[in-house]
Amino acid sequence: LVESGGGSVQPGGSLRLSCAASGFTADLDTIGWFRQAPGKE
């Protein structure tokens, strides 16, 4: 999995993240996004 699209924006702005999957993907059940801020789960 390779992500792209991150960056810096002002409050109220927009970004689009992209995740490209490669390899053997036939058995994937779910795909999605997590996030982690410093000091947080």
Full PDB file with SEQRES, HELIX, SHEET, SSBOND, CRYST1, ORIGX, SCALE, CONECT and MASTER records, all heavy atoms in Angstrom:
SEQRES   1 A   41  LEU VAL GLU SER GLY GLY GLY SER VAL GLN PRO GLY GLY          
SEQRES   2 A   41  SER LEU ARG LEU SER CYS ALA ALA SER GLY PHE THR ALA          
SEQRES   3 A   41  ASP LEU ASP THR ILE GLY TRP PHE ARG GLN ALA PRO GLY          
SEQRES   4 A   41  LYS GLU                                                      
SHEET    1 AA1 2 VAL A   2  SER A   4  0                                        
SHEET    2 AA1 2 SER A  18  ALA A  20 -1                                        
CRYST1    1.000    1.000    1.000  90.00  90.00  90.00 P 1           1          
ORIGX1      1.000000  0.000000  0.000000        0.00000                         
ORIGX2      0.000000  1.000000  0.000000        0.00000                         
ORIGX3      0.000000  0.000000  1.000000        0.00000                         
SCALE1      1.000000  0.000000  0.000000        0.00000                         
SCALE2      0.000000  1.000000  0.000000        0.00000                         
SCALE3      0.000000  0.000000  1.000000        0.00000                         
ATOM      1  N   LEU A   1       0.846  -1.183   0.000  1.00  0.00           N  
ATOM      2  CA  LEU A   1       0.000   0.000   0.000  1.00  0.00           C  
ATOM      3  C   LEU A   1       0.883   1.236   0.000  1.00  0.00           C  
ATOM      4  O   LEU A   1       1.815   1.328   0.797  1.00  0.00           O  
ATOM      5  CB  LEU A   1      -0.910   0.023   1.225  1.00  0.00           C  
ATOM      6  CG  LEU A   1      -1.807  -1.197   1.438  1.00  0.00           C  
ATOM      7  CD1 LEU A   1      -2.511  -1.100   2.791  1.00  0.00           C  
ATOM      8  CD2 LEU A   1      -2.831  -1.307   0.320  1.00  0.00           C  
ATOM      9  N   VAL A   2       0.571   2.172  -0.866  1.00  0.00           N  
ATOM     10  CA  VAL A   2       1.340   3.401  -0.971  1.00  0.00           C  
ATOM     11  C   VAL A   2       0.382   4.577  -0.943  1.00  0.00           C  
ATOM     12  O   VAL A   2      -0.474   4.708  -1.819  1.00  0.00           O  
ATOM     13  CB  VAL A   2       2.190   3.434  -2.249  1.00  0.00           C  
ATOM     14  CG1 VAL A   2       2.956   4.749  -2.334  1.00  0.00           C  
ATOM     15  CG2 VAL A   2       3.153   2.261  -2.282  1.00  0.00           C  
ATOM     16  N   GLU A   3       0.544   5.438   0.050  1.00  0.00           N  
ATOM     17  CA  GLU A   3      -0.304   6.618   0.181  1.00  0.00           C  
ATOM     18  C   GLU A   3       0.338   7.824  -0.496  1.00  0.00           C  
ATOM     19  O   GLU A   3       1.561   7.909  -0.614  1.00  0.00           O  
ATOM     20  CB  GLU A   3      -0.549   6.961   1.658  1.00  0.00           C  
ATOM     21  CG  GLU A   3      -1.206   5.864   2.463  1.00  0.00           C  
ATOM     22  CD  GLU A   3      -0.225   5.164   3.373  1.00  0.00           C  
ATOM     23  OE1 GLU A   3       0.965   5.032   2.995  1.00  0.00           O  
ATOM     24  OE2 GLU A   3      -0.641   4.754   4.472  1.00  0.00           O  
ATOM     25  N   SER A   4      -0.504   8.748  -0.878  1.00  0.00           N  
ATOM     26  CA  SER A   4      -0.046  10.026  -1.397  1.00  0.00           C  
ATOM     27  C   SER A   4      -1.138  11.058  -1.159  1.00  0.00           C  
ATOM     28  O   SER A   4      -2.276  10.713  -0.836  1.00  0.00           O  
ATOM     29  CB  SER A   4       0.297   9.944  -2.884  1.00  0.00           C  
ATOM     30  OG  SER A   4      -0.839   9.580  -3.651  1.00  0.00           O  
ATOM     31  N   GLY A   5      -0.801  12.316  -1.320  1.00  0.00           N  
ATOM     32  CA  GLY A   5      -1.782  13.376  -1.242  1.00  0.00           C  
ATOM     33  C   GLY A   5      -1.772  14.196   0.025  1.00  0.00           C  
ATOM     34  O   GLY A   5      -2.516  15.178   0.134  1.00  0.00           O  
ATOM     35  N   GLY A   6      -0.957  13.830   0.995  1.00  0.00           N  
ATOM     36  CA  GLY A   6      -0.879  14.608   2.212  1.00  0.00           C  
ATOM     37  C   GLY A   6      -0.220  15.952   1.975  1.00  0.00           C  
ATOM     38  O   GLY A   6       0.384  16.204   0.939  1.00  0.00           O  
ATOM     39  N   GLY A   7      -0.349  16.819   2.950  1.00  0.00           N  
ATOM     40  CA  GLY A   7       0.235  18.137   2.851  1.00  0.00           C  
ATOM     41  C   GLY A   7      -0.263  19.036   3.948  1.00  0.00           C  
ATOM     42  O   GLY A   7      -0.845  18.586   4.934  1.00  0.00           O  
ATOM     43  N   SER A   8      -0.031  20.324   3.770  1.00  0.00           N  
ATOM     44  CA  SER A   8      -0.437  21.337   4.737  1.00  0.00           C  
ATOM     45  C   SER A   8      -1.520  22.226   4.149  1.00  0.00           C  
ATOM     46  O   SER A   8      -1.398  22.693   3.011  1.00  0.00           O  
ATOM     47  CB  SER A   8       0.762  22.196   5.142  1.00  0.00           C  
ATOM     48  OG  SER A   8       1.750  21.423   5.790  1.00  0.00           O  
ATOM     49  N   VAL A   9      -2.567  22.439   4.921  1.00  0.00           N  
ATOM     50  CA  VAL A   9      -3.673  23.290   4.495  1.00  0.00           C  
ATOM     51  C   VAL A   9      -4.143  24.134   5.669  1.00  0.00           C  
ATOM     52  O   VAL A   9      -3.866  23.822   6.829  1.00  0.00           O  
ATOM     53  CB  VAL A   9      -4.866  22.486   3.941  1.00  0.00           C  
ATOM     54  CG1 VAL A   9      -4.474  21.720   2.690  1.00  0.00           C  
ATOM     55  CG2 VAL A   9      -5.404  21.534   5.001  1.00  0.00           C  
ATOM     56  N   GLN A  10      -4.870  25.186   5.355  1.00  0.00           N  
ATOM     57  CA  GLN A  10      -5.483  26.016   6.382  1.00  0.00           C  
ATOM     58  C   GLN A  10      -6.811  25.425   6.819  1.00  0.00           C  
ATOM     59  O   GLN A  10      -7.432  24.652   6.080  1.00  0.00           O  
ATOM     60  CB  GLN A  10      -5.687  27.435   5.856  1.00  0.00           C  
ATOM     61  CG  GLN A  10      -4.402  28.162   5.533  1.00  0.00           C  
ATOM     62  CD  GLN A  10      -4.640  29.590   5.088  1.00  0.00           C  
ATOM     63  OE1 GLN A  10      -5.748  30.113   5.189  1.00  0.00           O  
ATOM     64  NE2 GLN A  10      -3.592  30.229   4.600  1.00  0.00           N  
ATOM     65  N   PRO A  11      -7.254  25.756   8.017  1.00  0.00           N  
ATOM     66  CA  PRO A  11      -8.572  25.294   8.439  1.00  0.00           C  
ATOM     67  C   PRO A  11      -9.643  25.643   7.420  1.00  0.00           C  
ATOM     68  O   PRO A  11      -9.661  26.746   6.867  1.00  0.00           O  
ATOM     69  CB  PRO A  11      -8.807  26.032   9.760  1.00  0.00           C  
ATOM     70  CG  PRO A  11      -7.426  26.268  10.287  1.00  0.00           C  
ATOM     71  CD  PRO A  11      -6.577  26.531   9.068  1.00  0.00           C  
ATOM     72  N   GLY A  12     -10.530  24.690   7.175  1.00  0.00           N  
ATOM     73  CA  GLY A  12     -11.553  24.860   6.167  1.00  0.00           C  
ATOM     74  C   GLY A  12     -11.161  24.380   4.791  1.00  0.00           C  
ATOM     75  O   GLY A  12     -12.017  24.292   3.904  1.00  0.00           O  
ATOM     76  N   GLY A  13      -9.892  24.066   4.608  1.00  0.00           N  
ATOM     77  CA  GLY A  13      -9.410  23.605   3.329  1.00  0.00           C  
ATOM     78  C   GLY A  13      -9.696  22.139   3.086  1.00  0.00           C  
ATOM     79  O   GLY A  13     -10.307  21.457   3.907  1.00  0.00           O  
ATOM     80  N   SER A  14      -9.219  21.658   1.946  1.00  0.00           N  
ATOM     81  CA  SER A  14      -9.481  20.287   1.523  1.00  0.00           C  
ATOM     82  C   SER A  14      -8.213  19.608   1.046  1.00  0.00           C  
ATOM     83  O   SER A  14      -7.289  20.251   0.546  1.00  0.00           O  
ATOM     84  CB  SER A  14     -10.514  20.255   0.386  1.00  0.00           C  
ATOM     85  OG  SER A  14     -11.762  20.780   0.793  1.00  0.00           O  
ATOM     86  N   LEU A  15      -8.188  18.308   1.199  1.00  0.00           N  
ATOM     87  CA  LEU A  15      -7.146  17.457   0.650  1.00  0.00           C  
ATOM     88  C   LEU A  15      -7.782  16.155   0.200  1.00  0.00           C  
ATOM     89  O   LEU A  15      -8.805  15.734   0.745  1.00  0.00           O  
ATOM     90  CB  LEU A  15      -6.056  17.142   1.678  1.00  0.00           C  
ATOM     91  CG  LEU A  15      -5.044  18.215   2.029  1.00  0.00           C  
ATOM     92  CD1 LEU A  15      -4.183  17.738   3.205  1.00  0.00           C  
ATOM     93  CD2 LEU A  15      -4.163  18.544   0.839  1.00  0.00           C  
ATOM     94  N   ARG A  16      -7.175  15.520  -0.775  1.00  0.00           N  
ATOM     95  CA  ARG A  16      -7.587  14.191  -1.175  1.00  0.00           C  
ATOM     96  C   ARG A  16      -6.412  13.245  -1.059  1.00  0.00           C  
ATOM     97  O   ARG A  16      -5.393  13.419  -1.738  1.00  0.00           O  
ATOM     98  CB  ARG A  16      -8.141  14.161  -2.600  1.00  0.00           C  
ATOM     99  CG  ARG A  16      -8.764  12.798  -2.949  1.00  0.00           C  
ATOM    100  CD  ARG A  16      -9.356  12.746  -4.328  1.00  0.00           C  
ATOM    101  NE  ARG A  16      -8.344  12.684  -5.376  1.00  0.00           N  
ATOM    102  CZ  ARG A  16      -8.564  12.269  -6.615  1.00  0.00           C  
ATOM    103  NH1 ARG A  16      -9.794  11.880  -6.967  1.00  0.00           N  
ATOM    104  NH2 ARG A  16      -7.589  12.267  -7.498  1.00  0.00           N  
ATOM    105  N   LEU A  17      -6.556  12.256  -0.215  1.00  0.00           N  
ATOM    106  CA  LEU A  17      -5.545  11.233  -0.058  1.00  0.00           C  
ATOM    107  C   LEU A  17      -5.832  10.072  -0.999  1.00  0.00           C  
ATOM    108  O   LEU A  17      -6.986   9.754  -1.281  1.00  0.00           O  
ATOM    109  CB  LEU A  17      -5.498  10.711   1.379  1.00  0.00           C  
ATOM    110  CG  LEU A  17      -5.323  11.752   2.483  1.00  0.00           C  
ATOM    111  CD1 LEU A  17      -5.220  11.049   3.838  1.00  0.00           C  
ATOM    112  CD2 LEU A  17      -4.108  12.621   2.232  1.00  0.00           C  
ATOM    113  N   SER A  18      -4.772   9.450  -1.468  1.00  0.00           N  
ATOM    114  CA  SER A  18      -4.893   8.321  -2.363  1.00  0.00           C  
ATOM    115  C   SER A  18      -4.058   7.168  -1.831  1.00  0.00           C  
ATOM    116  O   SER A  18      -2.964   7.370  -1.309  1.00  0.00           O  
ATOM    117  CB  SER A  18      -4.420   8.701  -3.773  1.00  0.00           C  
ATOM    118  OG  SER A  18      -4.462   7.590  -4.649  1.00  0.00           O  
ATOM    119  N   CYS A  19      -4.581   5.976  -1.963  1.00  0.00           N  
ATOM    120  CA  CYS A  19      -3.866   4.769  -1.569  1.00  0.00           C  
ATOM    121  C   CYS A  19      -3.901   3.796  -2.731  1.00  0.00           C  
ATOM    122  O   CYS A  19      -4.975   3.382  -3.170  1.00  0.00           O  
ATOM    123  CB  CYS A  19      -4.502   4.142  -0.329  1.00  0.00           C  
ATOM    124  SG  CYS A  19      -3.788   2.554   0.157  1.00  0.00           S  
ATOM    125  N   ALA A  20      -2.728   3.441  -3.222  1.00  0.00           N  
ATOM    126  CA  ALA A  20      -2.604   2.481  -4.307  1.00  0.00           C  
ATOM    127  C   ALA A  20      -2.222   1.124  -3.742  1.00  0.00           C  
ATOM    128  O   ALA A  20      -1.246   1.013  -2.999  1.00  0.00           O  
ATOM    129  CB  ALA A  20      -1.569   2.948  -5.321  1.00  0.00           C  
ATOM    130  N   ALA A  21      -2.991   0.117  -4.085  1.00  0.00           N  
ATOM    131  CA  ALA A  21      -2.745  -1.244  -3.620  1.00  0.00           C  
ATOM    132  C   ALA A  21      -2.166  -2.076  -4.748  1.00  0.00           C  
ATOM    133  O   ALA A  21      -2.627  -2.014  -5.886  1.00  0.00           O  
ATOM    134  CB  ALA A  21      -4.035  -1.878  -3.104  1.00  0.00           C  
ATOM    135  N   SER A  22      -1.167  -2.858  -4.423  1.00  0.00           N  
ATOM    136  CA  SER A  22      -0.566  -3.754  -5.400  1.00  0.00           C  
ATOM    137  C   SER A  22      -0.256  -5.084  -4.741  1.00  0.00           C  
ATOM    138  O   SER A  22      -0.384  -5.242  -3.530  1.00  0.00           O  
ATOM    139  CB  SER A  22       0.698  -3.138  -6.004  1.00  0.00           C  
ATOM    140  OG  SER A  22       1.682  -2.904  -5.005  1.00  0.00           O  
ATOM    141  N   GLY A  23       0.168  -6.035  -5.545  1.00  0.00           N  
ATOM    142  CA  GLY A  23       0.386  -7.377  -5.047  1.00  0.00           C  
ATOM    143  C   GLY A  23      -0.882  -8.200  -5.175  1.00  0.00           C  
ATOM    144  O   GLY A  23      -1.730  -7.935  -6.023  1.00  0.00           O  
ATOM    145  N   PHE A  24      -1.012  -9.190  -4.314  1.00  0.00           N  
ATOM    146  CA  PHE A  24      -2.167 -10.071  -4.368  1.00  0.00           C  
ATOM    147  C   PHE A  24      -3.307  -9.454  -3.575  1.00  0.00           C  
ATOM    148  O   PHE A  24      -3.355  -9.557  -2.347  1.00  0.00           O  
ATOM    149  CB  PHE A  24      -1.814 -11.456  -3.820  1.00  0.00           C  
ATOM    150  CG  PHE A  24      -2.883 -12.469  -4.051  1.00  0.00           C  
ATOM    151  CD1 PHE A  24      -3.077 -13.019  -5.305  1.00  0.00           C  
ATOM    152  CD2 PHE A  24      -3.713 -12.876  -3.018  1.00  0.00           C  
ATOM    153  CE1 PHE A  24      -4.072 -13.960  -5.534  1.00  0.00           C  
ATOM    154  CE2 PHE A  24      -4.709 -13.812  -3.228  1.00  0.00           C  
ATOM    155  CZ  PHE A  24      -4.891 -14.357  -4.492  1.00  0.00           C  
ATOM    156  N   THR A  25      -4.217  -8.808  -4.281  1.00  0.00           N  
ATOM    157  CA  THR A  25      -5.299  -8.063  -3.642  1.00  0.00           C  
ATOM    158  C   THR A  25      -6.646  -8.762  -3.711  1.00  0.00           C  
ATOM    159  O   THR A  25      -7.636  -8.223  -3.226  1.00  0.00           O  
ATOM    160  CB  THR A  25      -5.432  -6.675  -4.281  1.00  0.00           C  
ATOM    161  OG1 THR A  25      -5.769  -6.811  -5.663  1.00  0.00           O  
ATOM    162  CG2 THR A  25      -4.134  -5.899  -4.161  1.00  0.00           C  
ATOM    163  N   ALA A  26      -6.712  -9.946  -4.278  1.00  0.00           N  
ATOM    164  CA  ALA A  26      -7.986 -10.614  -4.517  1.00  0.00           C  
ATOM    165  C   ALA A  26      -8.744 -10.928  -3.229  1.00  0.00           C  
ATOM    166  O   ALA A  26      -9.973 -10.979  -3.245  1.00  0.00           O  
ATOM    167  CB  ALA A  26      -7.771 -11.890  -5.320  1.00  0.00           C  
ATOM    168  N   ASP A  27      -8.044 -11.145  -2.143  1.00  0.00           N  
ATOM    169  CA  ASP A  27      -8.684 -11.562  -0.897  1.00  0.00           C  
ATOM    170  C   ASP A  27      -8.909 -10.421   0.092  1.00  0.00           C  
ATOM    171  O   ASP A  27      -9.280 -10.672   1.236  1.00  0.00           O  
ATOM    172  CB  ASP A  27      -7.845 -12.642  -0.211  1.00  0.00           C  
ATOM    173  CG  ASP A  27      -7.849 -13.941  -0.986  1.00  0.00           C  
ATOM    174  OD1 ASP A  27      -8.847 -14.225  -1.670  1.00  0.00           O  
ATOM    175  OD2 ASP A  27      -6.854 -14.676  -0.895  1.00  0.00           O  
ATOM    176  N   LEU A  28      -8.698  -9.199  -0.330  1.00  0.00           N  
ATOM    177  CA  LEU A  28      -8.902  -8.071   0.572  1.00  0.00           C  
ATOM    178  C   LEU A  28     -10.373  -7.944   0.943  1.00  0.00           C  
ATOM    179  O   LEU A  28     -11.248  -7.926   0.081  1.00  0.00           O  
ATOM    180  CB  LEU A  28      -8.416  -6.771  -0.064  1.00  0.00           C  
ATOM    181  CG  LEU A  28      -6.914  -6.660  -0.316  1.00  0.00           C  
ATOM    182  CD1 LEU A  28      -6.590  -5.309  -0.942  1.00  0.00           C  
ATOM    183  CD2 LEU A  28      -6.134  -6.860   0.970  1.00  0.00           C  
ATOM    184  N   ASP A  29     -10.635  -7.848   2.236  1.00  0.00           N  
ATOM    185  CA  ASP A  29     -12.005  -7.714   2.723  1.00  0.00           C  
ATOM    186  C   ASP A  29     -12.407  -6.257   2.909  1.00  0.00           C  
ATOM    187  O   ASP A  29     -13.521  -5.865   2.569  1.00  0.00           O  
ATOM    188  CB  ASP A  29     -12.166  -8.455   4.043  1.00  0.00           C  
ATOM    189  CG  ASP A  29     -12.009  -9.944   3.893  1.00  0.00           C  
ATOM    190  OD1 ASP A  29     -12.535 -10.501   2.915  1.00  0.00           O  
ATOM    191  OD2 ASP A  29     -11.358 -10.558   4.769  1.00  0.00           O  
ATOM    192  N   THR A  30     -11.515  -5.478   3.476  1.00  0.00           N  
ATOM    193  CA  THR A  30     -11.769  -4.065   3.665  1.00  0.00           C  
ATOM    194  C   THR A  30     -10.509  -3.274   3.359  1.00  0.00           C  
ATOM    195  O   THR A  30      -9.391  -3.788   3.430  1.00  0.00           O  
ATOM    196  CB  THR A  30     -12.223  -3.728   5.099  1.00  0.00           C  
ATOM    197  OG1 THR A  30     -11.163  -4.005   6.022  1.00  0.00           O  
ATOM    198  CG2 THR A  30     -13.457  -4.525   5.482  1.00  0.00           C  
ATOM    199  N   ILE A  31     -10.699  -2.018   3.037  1.00  0.00           N  
ATOM    200  CA  ILE A  31      -9.589  -1.096   2.876  1.00  0.00           C  
ATOM    201  C   ILE A  31     -10.053   0.248   3.416  1.00  0.00           C  
ATOM    202  O   ILE A  31     -11.222   0.614   3.262  1.00  0.00           O  
ATOM    203  CB  ILE A  31      -9.121  -1.008   1.417  1.00  0.00           C  
ATOM    204  CG1 ILE A  31      -7.813  -0.234   1.310  1.00  0.00           C  
ATOM    205  CG2 ILE A  31     -10.199  -0.411   0.516  1.00  0.00           C  
ATOM    206  CD1 ILE A  31      -7.128  -0.406  -0.036  1.00  0.00           C  
ATOM    207  N   GLY A  32      -9.157   0.948   4.071  1.00  0.00           N  
ATOM    208  CA  GLY A  32      -9.579   2.209   4.646  1.00  0.00           C  
ATOM    209  C   GLY A  32      -8.426   3.008   5.200  1.00  0.00           C  
ATOM    210  O   GLY A  32      -7.265   2.799   4.838  1.00  0.00           O  
ATOM    211  N   TRP A  33      -8.783   3.923   6.086  1.00  0.00           N  
ATOM    212  CA  TRP A  33      -7.838   4.900   6.589  1.00  0.00           C  
ATOM    213  C   TRP A  33      -7.862   4.980   8.106  1.00  0.00           C  
ATOM    214  O   TRP A  33      -8.933   4.977   8.728  1.00  0.00           O  
ATOM    215  CB  TRP A  33      -8.158   6.286   6.019  1.00  0.00           C  
ATOM    216  CG  TRP A  33      -8.032   6.352   4.530  1.00  0.00           C  
ATOM    217  CD1 TRP A  33      -9.001   6.120   3.604  1.00  0.00           C  
ATOM    218  CD2 TRP A  33      -6.846   6.669   3.798  1.00  0.00           C  
ATOM    219  NE1 TRP A  33      -8.506   6.276   2.340  1.00  0.00           N  
ATOM    220  CE2 TRP A  33      -7.180   6.611   2.429  1.00  0.00           C  
ATOM    221  CE3 TRP A  33      -5.541   6.999   4.164  1.00  0.00           C  
ATOM    222  CZ2 TRP A  33      -6.247   6.872   1.427  1.00  0.00           C  
ATOM    223  CZ3 TRP A  33      -4.616   7.250   3.170  1.00  0.00           C  
ATOM    224  CH2 TRP A  33      -4.970   7.198   1.819  1.00  0.00           C  
ATOM    225  N   PHE A  34      -6.675   5.053   8.684  1.00  0.00           N  
ATOM    226  CA  PHE A  34      -6.478   5.362  10.083  1.00  0.00           C  
ATOM    227  C   PHE A  34      -5.648   6.631  10.181  1.00  0.00           C  
ATOM    228  O   PHE A  34      -5.043   7.066   9.205  1.00  0.00           O  
ATOM    229  CB  PHE A  34      -5.758   4.220  10.805  1.00  0.00           C  
ATOM    230  CG  PHE A  34      -6.616   3.020  11.083  1.00  0.00           C  
ATOM    231  CD1 PHE A  34      -7.014   2.180  10.056  1.00  0.00           C  
ATOM    232  CD2 PHE A  34      -7.014   2.718  12.376  1.00  0.00           C  
ATOM    233  CE1 PHE A  34      -7.796   1.068  10.307  1.00  0.00           C  
ATOM    234  CE2 PHE A  34      -7.798   1.602  12.639  1.00  0.00           C  
ATOM    235  CZ  PHE A  34      -8.191   0.782  11.609  1.00  0.00           C  
ATOM    236  N   ARG A  35      -5.613   7.197  11.363  1.00  0.00           N  
ATOM    237  CA  ARG A  35      -4.747   8.342  11.586  1.00  0.00           C  
ATOM    238  C   ARG A  35      -4.213   8.305  13.008  1.00  0.00           C  
ATOM    239  O   ARG A  35      -4.821   7.733  13.898  1.00  0.00           O  
ATOM    240  CB  ARG A  35      -5.471   9.664  11.320  1.00  0.00           C  
ATOM    241  CG  ARG A  35      -6.596   9.984  12.291  1.00  0.00           C  
ATOM    242  CD  ARG A  35      -7.325  11.256  11.871  1.00  0.00           C  
ATOM    243  NE  ARG A  35      -8.385  11.615  12.800  1.00  0.00           N  
ATOM    244  CZ  ARG A  35      -9.234  12.612  12.618  1.00  0.00           C  
ATOM    245  NH1 ARG A  35      -9.146  13.367  11.521  1.00  0.00           N  
ATOM    246  NH2 ARG A  35     -10.175  12.874  13.518  1.00  0.00           N  
ATOM    247  N   GLN A  36      -3.067   8.937  13.182  1.00  0.00           N  
ATOM    248  CA  GLN A  36      -2.456   8.995  14.497  1.00  0.00           C  
ATOM    249  C   GLN A  36      -1.763  10.340  14.680  1.00  0.00           C  
ATOM    250  O   GLN A  36      -0.886  10.710  13.893  1.00  0.00           O  
ATOM    251  CB  GLN A  36      -1.447   7.867  14.694  1.00  0.00           C  
ATOM    252  CG  GLN A  36      -0.897   7.783  16.101  1.00  0.00           C  
ATOM    253  CD  GLN A  36      -0.136   6.502  16.353  1.00  0.00           C  
ATOM    254  OE1 GLN A  36       0.422   5.914  15.422  1.00  0.00           O  
ATOM    255  NE2 GLN A  36      -0.120   6.062  17.599  1.00  0.00           N  
ATOM    256  N   ALA A  37      -2.179  11.050  15.702  1.00  0.00           N  
ATOM    257  CA  ALA A  37      -1.550  12.302  16.082  1.00  0.00           C  
ATOM    258  C   ALA A  37      -0.521  12.027  17.172  1.00  0.00           C  
ATOM    259  O   ALA A  37      -0.626  11.039  17.904  1.00  0.00           O  
ATOM    260  CB  ALA A  37      -2.596  13.293  16.569  1.00  0.00           C  
ATOM    261  N   PRO A  38       0.484  12.891  17.313  1.00  0.00           N  
ATOM    262  CA  PRO A  38       1.501  12.678  18.345  1.00  0.00           C  
ATOM    263  C   PRO A  38       0.885  12.526  19.731  1.00  0.00           C  
ATOM    264  O   PRO A  38       0.041  13.329  20.136  1.00  0.00           O  
ATOM    265  CB  PRO A  38       2.364  13.932  18.252  1.00  0.00           C  
ATOM    266  CG  PRO A  38       2.204  14.391  16.843  1.00  0.00           C  
ATOM    267  CD  PRO A  38       0.774  14.079  16.498  1.00  0.00           C  
ATOM    268  N   GLY A  39       1.305  11.503  20.446  1.00  0.00           N  
ATOM    269  CA  GLY A  39       0.822  11.266  21.792  1.00  0.00           C  
ATOM    270  C   GLY A  39      -0.561  10.667  21.884  1.00  0.00           C  
ATOM    271  O   GLY A  39      -1.075  10.498  22.993  1.00  0.00           O  
ATOM    272  N   LYS A  40      -1.166  10.349  20.761  1.00  0.00           N  
ATOM    273  CA  LYS A  40      -2.508   9.789  20.761  1.00  0.00           C  
ATOM    274  C   LYS A  40      -2.522   8.404  20.124  1.00  0.00           C  
ATOM    275  O   LYS A  40      -1.608   8.040  19.383  1.00  0.00           O  
ATOM    276  CB  LYS A  40      -3.475  10.707  20.009  1.00  0.00           C  
ATOM    277  CG  LYS A  40      -3.653  12.079  20.637  1.00  0.00           C  
ATOM    278  CD  LYS A  40      -4.675  12.902  19.874  1.00  0.00           C  
ATOM    279  CE  LYS A  40      -4.879  14.260  20.509  1.00  0.00           C  
ATOM    280  NZ  LYS A  40      -5.873  15.071  19.755  1.00  0.00           N  
ATOM    281  N   GLU A  41      -3.561   7.666  20.434  1.00  0.00           N  
ATOM    282  CA  GLU A  41      -3.722   6.349  19.841  1.00  0.00           C  
ATOM    283  C   GLU A  41      -4.128   6.472  18.377  1.00  0.00           C  
ATOM    284  O   GLU A  41      -4.759   7.442  17.965  1.00  0.00           O  
ATOM    285  CB  GLU A  41      -4.785   5.550  20.597  1.00  0.00           C  
ATOM    286  CG  GLU A  41      -4.428   5.222  22.030  1.00  0.00           C  
ATOM    287  CD  GLU A  41      -5.503   4.402  22.714  1.00  0.00           C  
ATOM    288  OE1 GLU A  41      -6.585   4.216  22.113  1.00  0.00           O  
ATOM    289  OE2 GLU A  41      -5.266   3.940  23.833  1.00  0.00           O  
TER     290      GLU A  41                                                      
MASTER        0    0    0    0    2    0    0    6  289    1    0    4          
END                                                                             
